[in-house]
């Protein structure tokens, strides 16, 4: 489906880039969001980025999203 090797998916999990849920049998179960993340990671790797760099970018994007949400809630409480 994604056109990537199983070893690449294992590495994404090991490097904490994409952390899928597991079935009772231990198989990885990817959500639609995680599949989208893998597609993005694959593209960035193709551009020459390391997994460590990609993980850091994802962490920073998550932080920006949390801060935006907090700002939106704050502005909603102040009437702005």
PDB file of N, CA and C in Angstrom:
ATOM      1  N   UNK A   1       0.820  -1.201   0.000  1.00  0.00           N
ATOM      2  CA  UNK A   1       0.000   0.000   0.000  1.00  0.00           C
ATOM      3  C   UNK A   1       0.866   1.270   0.000  1.00  0.00           C
ATOM      4  N   UNK A   2       1.901   1.281   0.823  1.00  0.00           N
ATOM      5  CA  UNK A   2       2.753   2.463   0.933  1.00  0.00           C
ATOM      6  C   UNK A   2       3.998   2.380   0.058  1.00  0.00           C
ATOM      7  N   UNK A   3       4.300   1.200  -0.415  1.00  0.00           N
ATOM      8  CA  UNK A   3       5.486   1.045  -1.258  1.00  0.00           C
ATOM      9  C   UNK A   3       6.788   1.142  -0.482  1.00  0.00           C
ATOM     10  N   UNK A   4       6.768   0.770   0.801  1.00  0.00           N
ATOM     11  CA  UNK A   4       7.988   0.789   1.618  1.00  0.00           C
ATOM     12  C   UNK A   4       8.244  -0.609   2.170  1.00  0.00           C
ATOM     13  N   UNK A   5       9.478  -0.867   2.528  1.00  0.00           N
ATOM     14  CA  UNK A   5       9.852  -2.157   3.084  1.00  0.00           C
ATOM     15  C   UNK A   5       9.383  -2.274   4.534  1.00  0.00           C
ATOM     16  N   UNK A   6       9.137  -3.521   4.962  1.00  0.00           N
ATOM     17  CA  UNK A   6       8.757  -3.769   6.357  1.00  0.00           C
ATOM     18  C   UNK A   6       9.848  -3.272   7.307  1.00  0.00           C
ATOM     19  N   UNK A   7      11.093  -3.418   6.889  1.00  0.00           N
ATOM     20  CA  UNK A   7      12.211  -2.966   7.733  1.00  0.00           C
ATOM     21  C   UNK A   7      12.138  -1.455   7.963  1.00  0.00           C
ATOM     22  N   UNK A   8      11.704  -0.704   6.961  1.00  0.00           N
ATOM     23  CA  UNK A   8      11.568   0.747   7.102  1.00  0.00           C
ATOM     24  C   UNK A   8      10.483   1.068   8.131  1.00  0.00           C
ATOM     25  N   UNK A   9       9.365   0.341   8.081  1.00  0.00           N
ATOM     26  CA  UNK A   9       8.287   0.564   9.049  1.00  0.00           C
ATOM     27  C   UNK A   9       8.750   0.226  10.461  1.00  0.00           C
ATOM     28  N   UNK A  10       9.504  -0.860  10.609  1.00  0.00           N
ATOM     29  CA  UNK A  10      10.049  -1.214  11.920  1.00  0.00           C
ATOM     30  C   UNK A  10      10.974  -0.120  12.427  1.00  0.00           C
ATOM     31  N   UNK A  11      11.782   0.424  11.527  1.00  0.00           N
ATOM     32  CA  UNK A  11      12.721   1.481  11.922  1.00  0.00           C
ATOM     33  C   UNK A  11      11.978   2.747  12.357  1.00  0.00           C
ATOM     34  N   UNK A  12      10.906   3.082  11.665  1.00  0.00           N
ATOM     35  CA  UNK A  12      10.111   4.247  12.069  1.00  0.00           C
ATOM     36  C   UNK A  12       9.576   4.063  13.481  1.00  0.00           C
ATOM     37  N   UNK A  13       9.178   2.846  13.803  1.00  0.00           N
ATOM     38  CA  UNK A  13       8.684   2.541  15.141  1.00  0.00           C
ATOM     39  C   UNK A  13       9.830   2.602  16.149  1.00  0.00           C
ATOM     40  N   UNK A  14      10.944   1.982  15.832  1.00  0.00           N
ATOM     41  CA  UNK A  14      12.105   1.962  16.729  1.00  0.00           C
ATOM     42  C   UNK A  14      12.632   3.361  16.999  1.00  0.00           C
ATOM     43  N   UNK A  15      12.627   4.207  15.978  1.00  0.00           N
ATOM     44  CA  UNK A  15      13.135   5.577  16.101  1.00  0.00           C
ATOM     45  C   UNK A  15      12.078   6.533  16.656  1.00  0.00           C
ATOM     46  N   UNK A  16      10.906   6.013  16.990  1.00  0.00           N
ATOM     47  CA  UNK A  16       9.809   6.814  17.552  1.00  0.00           C
ATOM     48  C   UNK A  16       9.348   7.915  16.610  1.00  0.00           C
ATOM     49  N   UNK A  17       9.391   7.629  15.315  1.00  0.00           N
ATOM     50  CA  UNK A  17       8.888   8.587  14.329  1.00  0.00           C
ATOM     51  C   UNK A  17       7.391   8.380  14.138  1.00  0.00           C
ATOM     52  N   UNK A  18       6.969   7.127  14.006  1.00  0.00           N
ATOM     53  CA  UNK A  18       5.563   6.745  13.918  1.00  0.00           C
ATOM     54  C   UNK A  18       5.374   5.568  14.865  1.00  0.00           C
ATOM     55  N   UNK A  19       4.433   5.683  15.798  1.00  0.00           N
ATOM     56  CA  UNK A  19       4.215   4.656  16.828  1.00  0.00           C
ATOM     57  C   UNK A  19       2.827   4.031  16.656  1.00  0.00           C
ATOM     58  N   UNK A  20       2.704   2.990  15.853  1.00  0.00           N
ATOM     59  CA  UNK A  20       1.395   2.379  15.619  1.00  0.00           C
ATOM     60  C   UNK A  20       0.931   1.558  16.827  1.00  0.00           C
ATOM     61  N   UNK A  21      -0.370   1.332  16.880  1.00  0.00           N
ATOM     62  CA  UNK A  21      -0.934   0.428  17.880  1.00  0.00           C
ATOM     63  C   UNK A  21      -0.531  -0.997  17.493  1.00  0.00           C
ATOM     64  N   UNK A  22      -0.696  -1.909  18.436  1.00  0.00           N
ATOM     65  CA  UNK A  22      -0.367  -3.322  18.189  1.00  0.00           C
ATOM     66  C   UNK A  22      -1.600  -4.184  18.390  1.00  0.00           C
ATOM     67  N   UNK A  23      -1.715  -5.218  17.562  1.00  0.00           N
ATOM     68  CA  UNK A  23      -2.771  -6.212  17.753  1.00  0.00           C
ATOM     69  C   UNK A  23      -2.372  -7.127  18.902  1.00  0.00           C
ATOM     70  N   UNK A  24      -3.286  -7.989  19.311  1.00  0.00           N
ATOM     71  CA  UNK A  24      -2.976  -8.957  20.358  1.00  0.00           C
ATOM     72  C   UNK A  24      -1.808  -9.848  19.951  1.00  0.00           C
ATOM     73  N   UNK A  25      -1.668 -10.092  18.667  1.00  0.00           N
ATOM     74  CA  UNK A  25      -0.578 -10.914  18.154  1.00  0.00           C
ATOM     75  C   UNK A  25       0.711 -10.144  17.929  1.00  0.00           C
ATOM     76  N   UNK A  26       0.714  -8.839  18.218  1.00  0.00           N
ATOM     77  CA  UNK A  26       1.917  -8.031  18.091  1.00  0.00           C
ATOM     78  C   UNK A  26       2.105  -7.354  16.740  1.00  0.00           C
ATOM     79  N   UNK A  27       1.136  -7.510  15.834  1.00  0.00           N
ATOM     80  CA  UNK A  27       1.258  -6.864  14.524  1.00  0.00           C
ATOM     81  C   UNK A  27       0.961  -5.373  14.652  1.00  0.00           C
ATOM     82  N   UNK A  28       1.664  -4.589  13.865  1.00  0.00           N
ATOM     83  CA  UNK A  28       1.431  -3.149  13.867  1.00  0.00           C
ATOM     84  C   UNK A  28       0.106  -2.845  13.183  1.00  0.00           C
ATOM     85  N   UNK A  29      -0.638  -1.918  13.769  1.00  0.00           N
ATOM     86  CA  UNK A  29      -1.920  -1.470  13.216  1.00  0.00           C
ATOM     87  C   UNK A  29      -1.847   0.038  13.038  1.00  0.00           C
ATOM     88  N   UNK A  30      -1.863   0.481  11.793  1.00  0.00           N
ATOM     89  CA  UNK A  30      -1.701   1.895  11.483  1.00  0.00           C
ATOM     90  C   UNK A  30      -3.043   2.575  11.272  1.00  0.00           C
ATOM     91  N   UNK A  31      -3.200   3.737  11.881  1.00  0.00           N
ATOM     92  CA  UNK A  31      -4.390   4.560  11.652  1.00  0.00           C
ATOM     93  C   UNK A  31      -4.193   5.330  10.345  1.00  0.00           C
ATOM     94  N   UNK A  32      -5.257   5.971   9.887  1.00  0.00           N
ATOM     95  CA  UNK A  32      -5.167   6.774   8.666  1.00  0.00           C
ATOM     96  C   UNK A  32      -4.156   7.901   8.859  1.00  0.00           C
ATOM     97  N   UNK A  33      -4.154   8.528  10.036  1.00  0.00           N
ATOM     98  CA  UNK A  33      -3.191   9.604  10.315  1.00  0.00           C
ATOM     99  C   UNK A  33      -1.760   9.085  10.276  1.00  0.00           C
ATOM    100  N   UNK A  34      -1.539   7.890  10.817  1.00  0.00           N
ATOM    101  CA  UNK A  34      -0.188   7.314  10.808  1.00  0.00           C
ATOM    102  C   UNK A  34       0.255   6.967   9.391  1.00  0.00           C
ATOM    103  N   UNK A  35      -0.673   6.509   8.566  1.00  0.00           N
ATOM    104  CA  UNK A  35      -0.346   6.232   7.166  1.00  0.00           C
ATOM    105  C   UNK A  35       0.041   7.524   6.463  1.00  0.00           C
ATOM    106  N   UNK A  36      -0.695   8.598   6.745  1.00  0.00           N
ATOM    107  CA  UNK A  36      -0.341   9.909   6.178  1.00  0.00           C
ATOM    108  C   UNK A  36       1.046  10.348   6.653  1.00  0.00           C
ATOM    109  N   UNK A  37       1.351  10.106   7.938  1.00  0.00           N
ATOM    110  CA  UNK A  37       2.673  10.451   8.471  1.00  0.00           C
ATOM    111  C   UNK A  37       3.759   9.664   7.745  1.00  0.00           C
ATOM    112  N   UNK A  38       3.532   8.384   7.522  1.00  0.00           N
ATOM    113  CA  UNK A  38       4.524   7.549   6.833  1.00  0.00           C
ATOM    114  C   UNK A  38       4.769   8.069   5.427  1.00  0.00           C
ATOM    115  N   UNK A  39       3.720   8.456   4.742  1.00  0.00           N
ATOM    116  CA  UNK A  39       3.874   9.010   3.393  1.00  0.00           C
ATOM    117  C   UNK A  39       4.717  10.285   3.436  1.00  0.00           C
ATOM    118  N   UNK A  40       4.462  11.118   4.421  1.00  0.00           N
ATOM    119  CA  UNK A  40       5.237  12.363   4.556  1.00  0.00           C
ATOM    120  C   UNK A  40       6.697  12.066   4.887  1.00  0.00           C
ATOM    121  N   UNK A  41       6.912  11.136   5.829  1.00  0.00           N
ATOM    122  CA  UNK A  41       8.275  10.744   6.215  1.00  0.00           C
ATOM    123  C   UNK A  41       9.015  10.194   4.998  1.00  0.00           C
ATOM    124  N   UNK A  42       8.353   9.348   4.233  1.00  0.00           N
ATOM    125  CA  UNK A  42       8.976   8.766   3.043  1.00  0.00           C
ATOM    126  C   UNK A  42       9.409   9.861   2.075  1.00  0.00           C
ATOM    127  N   UNK A  43       8.570  10.858   1.917  1.00  0.00           N
ATOM    128  CA  UNK A  43       8.910  11.982   1.044  1.00  0.00           C
ATOM    129  C   UNK A  43      10.123  12.746   1.571  1.00  0.00           C
ATOM    130  N   UNK A  44      10.148  13.015   2.886  1.00  0.00           N
ATOM    131  CA  UNK A  44      11.261  13.758   3.477  1.00  0.00           C
ATOM    132  C   UNK A  44      12.564  12.959   3.428  1.00  0.00           C
ATOM    133  N   UNK A  45      12.473  11.649   3.632  1.00  0.00           N
ATOM    134  CA  UNK A  45      13.661  10.798   3.508  1.00  0.00           C
ATOM    135  C   UNK A  45      14.177  10.865   2.070  1.00  0.00           C
ATOM    136  N   UNK A  46      13.256  10.870   1.122  1.00  0.00           N
ATOM    137  CA  UNK A  46      13.623  10.985  -0.289  1.00  0.00           C
ATOM    138  C   UNK A  46      14.329  12.287  -0.610  1.00  0.00           C
ATOM    139  N   UNK A  47      14.082  13.313   0.201  1.00  0.00           N
ATOM    140  CA  UNK A  47      14.753  14.604   0.025  1.00  0.00           C
ATOM    141  C   UNK A  47      16.081  14.662   0.764  1.00  0.00           C
ATOM    142  N   UNK A  48      16.422  13.557   1.451  1.00  0.00           N
ATOM    143  CA  UNK A  48      17.723  13.484   2.103  1.00  0.00           C
ATOM    144  C   UNK A  48      17.729  13.756   3.596  1.00  0.00           C
ATOM    145  N   UNK A  49      16.565  13.872   4.208  1.00  0.00           N
ATOM    146  CA  UNK A  49      16.518  14.150   5.649  1.00  0.00           C
ATOM    147  C   UNK A  49      16.691  12.864   6.446  1.00  0.00           C
ATOM    148  N   UNK A  50      17.287  12.989   7.612  1.00  0.00           N
ATOM    149  CA  UNK A  50      17.458  11.841   8.505  1.00  0.00           C
ATOM    150  C   UNK A  50      16.182  11.630   9.320  1.00  0.00           C
ATOM    151  N   UNK A  51      16.016  10.421   9.860  1.00  0.00           N
ATOM    152  CA  UNK A  51      14.853  10.148  10.691  1.00  0.00           C
ATOM    153  C   UNK A  51      14.871  10.992  11.963  1.00  0.00           C
ATOM    154  N   UNK A  52      16.042  11.237  12.509  1.00  0.00           N
ATOM    155  CA  UNK A  52      16.136  12.085  13.699  1.00  0.00           C
ATOM    156  C   UNK A  52      15.635  13.495  13.390  1.00  0.00           C
ATOM    157  N   UNK A  53      15.992  14.027  12.239  1.00  0.00           N
ATOM    158  CA  UNK A  53      15.523  15.362  11.841  1.00  0.00           C
ATOM    159  C   UNK A  53      14.022  15.370  11.620  1.00  0.00           C
ATOM    160  N   UNK A  54      13.518  14.334  10.987  1.00  0.00           N
ATOM    161  CA  UNK A  54      12.085  14.240  10.718  1.00  0.00           C
ATOM    162  C   UNK A  54      11.311  14.134  12.026  1.00  0.00           C
ATOM    163  N   UNK A  55      11.817  13.337  12.963  1.00  0.00           N
ATOM    164  CA  UNK A  55      11.166  13.206  14.268  1.00  0.00           C
ATOM    165  C   UNK A  55      11.114  14.567  14.967  1.00  0.00           C
ATOM    166  N   UNK A  56      12.209  15.313  14.914  1.00  0.00           N
ATOM    167  CA  UNK A  56      12.256  16.628  15.577  1.00  0.00           C
ATOM    168  C   UNK A  56      11.282  17.603  14.916  1.00  0.00           C
ATOM    169  N   UNK A  57      11.192  17.573  13.613  1.00  0.00           N
ATOM    170  CA  UNK A  57      10.234  18.428  12.905  1.00  0.00           C
ATOM    171  C   UNK A  57       8.821  18.095  13.365  1.00  0.00           C
ATOM    172  N   UNK A  58       8.496  16.807  13.450  1.00  0.00           N
ATOM    173  CA  UNK A  58       7.159  16.385  13.890  1.00  0.00           C
ATOM    174  C   UNK A  58       6.886  16.853  15.319  1.00  0.00           C
ATOM    175  N   UNK A  59       7.886  16.736  16.201  1.00  0.00           N
ATOM    176  CA  UNK A  59       7.729  17.197  17.585  1.00  0.00           C
ATOM    177  C   UNK A  59       7.439  18.693  17.624  1.00  0.00           C
ATOM    178  N   UNK A  60       8.177  19.457  16.834  1.00  0.00           N
ATOM    179  CA  UNK A  60       7.979  20.905  16.813  1.00  0.00           C
ATOM    180  C   UNK A  60       6.624  21.279  16.220  1.00  0.00           C
ATOM    181  N   UNK A  61       6.193  20.562  15.181  1.00  0.00           N
ATOM    182  CA  UNK A  61       4.868  20.821  14.609  1.00  0.00           C
ATOM    183  C   UNK A  61       3.774  20.520  15.624  1.00  0.00           C
ATOM    184  N   UNK A  62       3.929  19.434  16.378  1.00  0.00           N
ATOM    185  CA  UNK A  62       2.952  19.106  17.427  1.00  0.00           C
ATOM    186  C   UNK A  62       2.917  20.202  18.490  1.00  0.00           C
ATOM    187  N   UNK A  63       4.098  20.707  18.859  1.00  0.00           N
ATOM    188  CA  UNK A  63       4.169  21.769  19.861  1.00  0.00           C
ATOM    189  C   UNK A  63       3.486  23.042  19.358  1.00  0.00           C
ATOM    190  N   UNK A  64       3.719  23.396  18.115  1.00  0.00           N
ATOM    191  CA  UNK A  64       3.077  24.577  17.535  1.00  0.00           C
ATOM    192  C   UNK A  64       1.558  24.405  17.549  1.00  0.00           C
ATOM    193  N   UNK A  65       1.093  23.209  17.218  1.00  0.00           N
ATOM    194  CA  UNK A  65      -0.351  22.957  17.229  1.00  0.00           C
ATOM    195  C   UNK A  65      -0.933  23.092  18.637  1.00  0.00           C
ATOM    196  N   UNK A  66      -0.231  22.549  19.634  1.00  0.00           N
ATOM    197  CA  UNK A  66      -0.696  22.672  21.024  1.00  0.00           C
ATOM    198  C   UNK A  66      -0.730  24.139  21.453  1.00  0.00           C
ATOM    199  N   UNK A  67       0.292  24.898  21.074  1.00  0.00           N
ATOM    200  CA  UNK A  67       0.334  26.316  21.444  1.00  0.00           C
ATOM    201  C   UNK A  67      -0.767  27.100  20.756  1.00  0.00           C
ATOM    202  N   UNK A  68      -1.050  26.774  19.510  1.00  0.00           N
ATOM    203  CA  UNK A  68      -2.143  27.446  18.802  1.00  0.00           C
ATOM    204  C   UNK A  68      -3.482  27.141  19.460  1.00  0.00           C
ATOM    205  N   UNK A  69      -3.669  25.874  19.839  1.00  0.00           N
ATOM    206  CA  UNK A  69      -4.904  25.501  20.530  1.00  0.00           C
ATOM    207  C   UNK A  69      -5.036  26.261  21.848  1.00  0.00           C
ATOM    208  N   UNK A  70      -3.949  26.345  22.600  1.00  0.00           N
ATOM    209  CA  UNK A  70      -3.966  27.069  23.874  1.00  0.00           C
ATOM    210  C   UNK A  70      -4.265  28.543  23.644  1.00  0.00           C
ATOM    211  N   UNK A  71      -3.679  29.121  22.610  1.00  0.00           N
ATOM    212  CA  UNK A  71      -3.925  30.529  22.290  1.00  0.00           C
ATOM    213  C   UNK A  71      -5.380  30.750  21.901  1.00  0.00           C
ATOM    214  N   UNK A  72      -5.921  29.832  21.088  1.00  0.00           N
ATOM    215  CA  UNK A  72      -7.329  29.950  20.692  1.00  0.00           C
ATOM    216  C   UNK A  72      -8.245  29.888  21.912  1.00  0.00           C
ATOM    217  N   UNK A  73      -7.942  28.972  22.848  1.00  0.00           N
ATOM    218  CA  UNK A  73      -8.760  28.863  24.058  1.00  0.00           C
ATOM    219  C   UNK A  73      -8.616  30.141  24.899  1.00  0.00           C
ATOM    220  N   UNK A  74      -7.401  30.657  24.987  1.00  0.00           N
ATOM    221  CA  UNK A  74      -7.161  31.858  25.768  1.00  0.00           C
ATOM    222  C   UNK A  74      -7.894  33.052  25.181  1.00  0.00           C
ATOM    223  N   UNK A  75      -7.829  33.185  23.871  1.00  0.00           N
ATOM    224  CA  UNK A  75      -8.525  34.305  23.225  1.00  0.00           C
ATOM    225  C   UNK A  75     -10.031  34.171  23.366  1.00  0.00           C
ATOM    226  N   UNK A  76     -10.523  32.947  23.403  1.00  0.00           N
ATOM    227  CA  UNK A  76     -11.944  32.729  23.594  1.00  0.00           C
ATOM    228  C   UNK A  76     -12.408  33.132  24.964  1.00  0.00           C
ATOM    229  N   UNK A  77     -11.536  33.000  25.968  1.00  0.00           N
ATOM    230  CA  UNK A  77     -11.888  33.370  27.342  1.00  0.00           C
ATOM    231  C   UNK A  77     -11.801  34.867  27.574  1.00  0.00           C
ATOM    232  N   UNK A  78     -10.998  35.555  26.790  1.00  0.00           N
ATOM    233  CA  UNK A  78     -10.826  36.997  27.003  1.00  0.00           C
ATOM    234  C   UNK A  78     -11.740  37.809  26.090  1.00  0.00           C
ATOM    235  N   UNK A  79     -12.487  37.111  25.232  1.00  0.00           N
ATOM    236  CA  UNK A  79     -13.397  37.838  24.357  1.00  0.00           C
ATOM    237  C   UNK A  79     -12.719  38.368  23.123  1.00  0.00           C
ATOM    238  N   UNK A  80     -11.454  37.928  22.834  1.00  0.00           N
ATOM    239  CA  UNK A  80     -10.723  38.462  21.697  1.00  0.00           C
ATOM    240  C   UNK A  80     -10.761  37.614  20.570  1.00  0.00           C
TER     241      UNK A  80
END
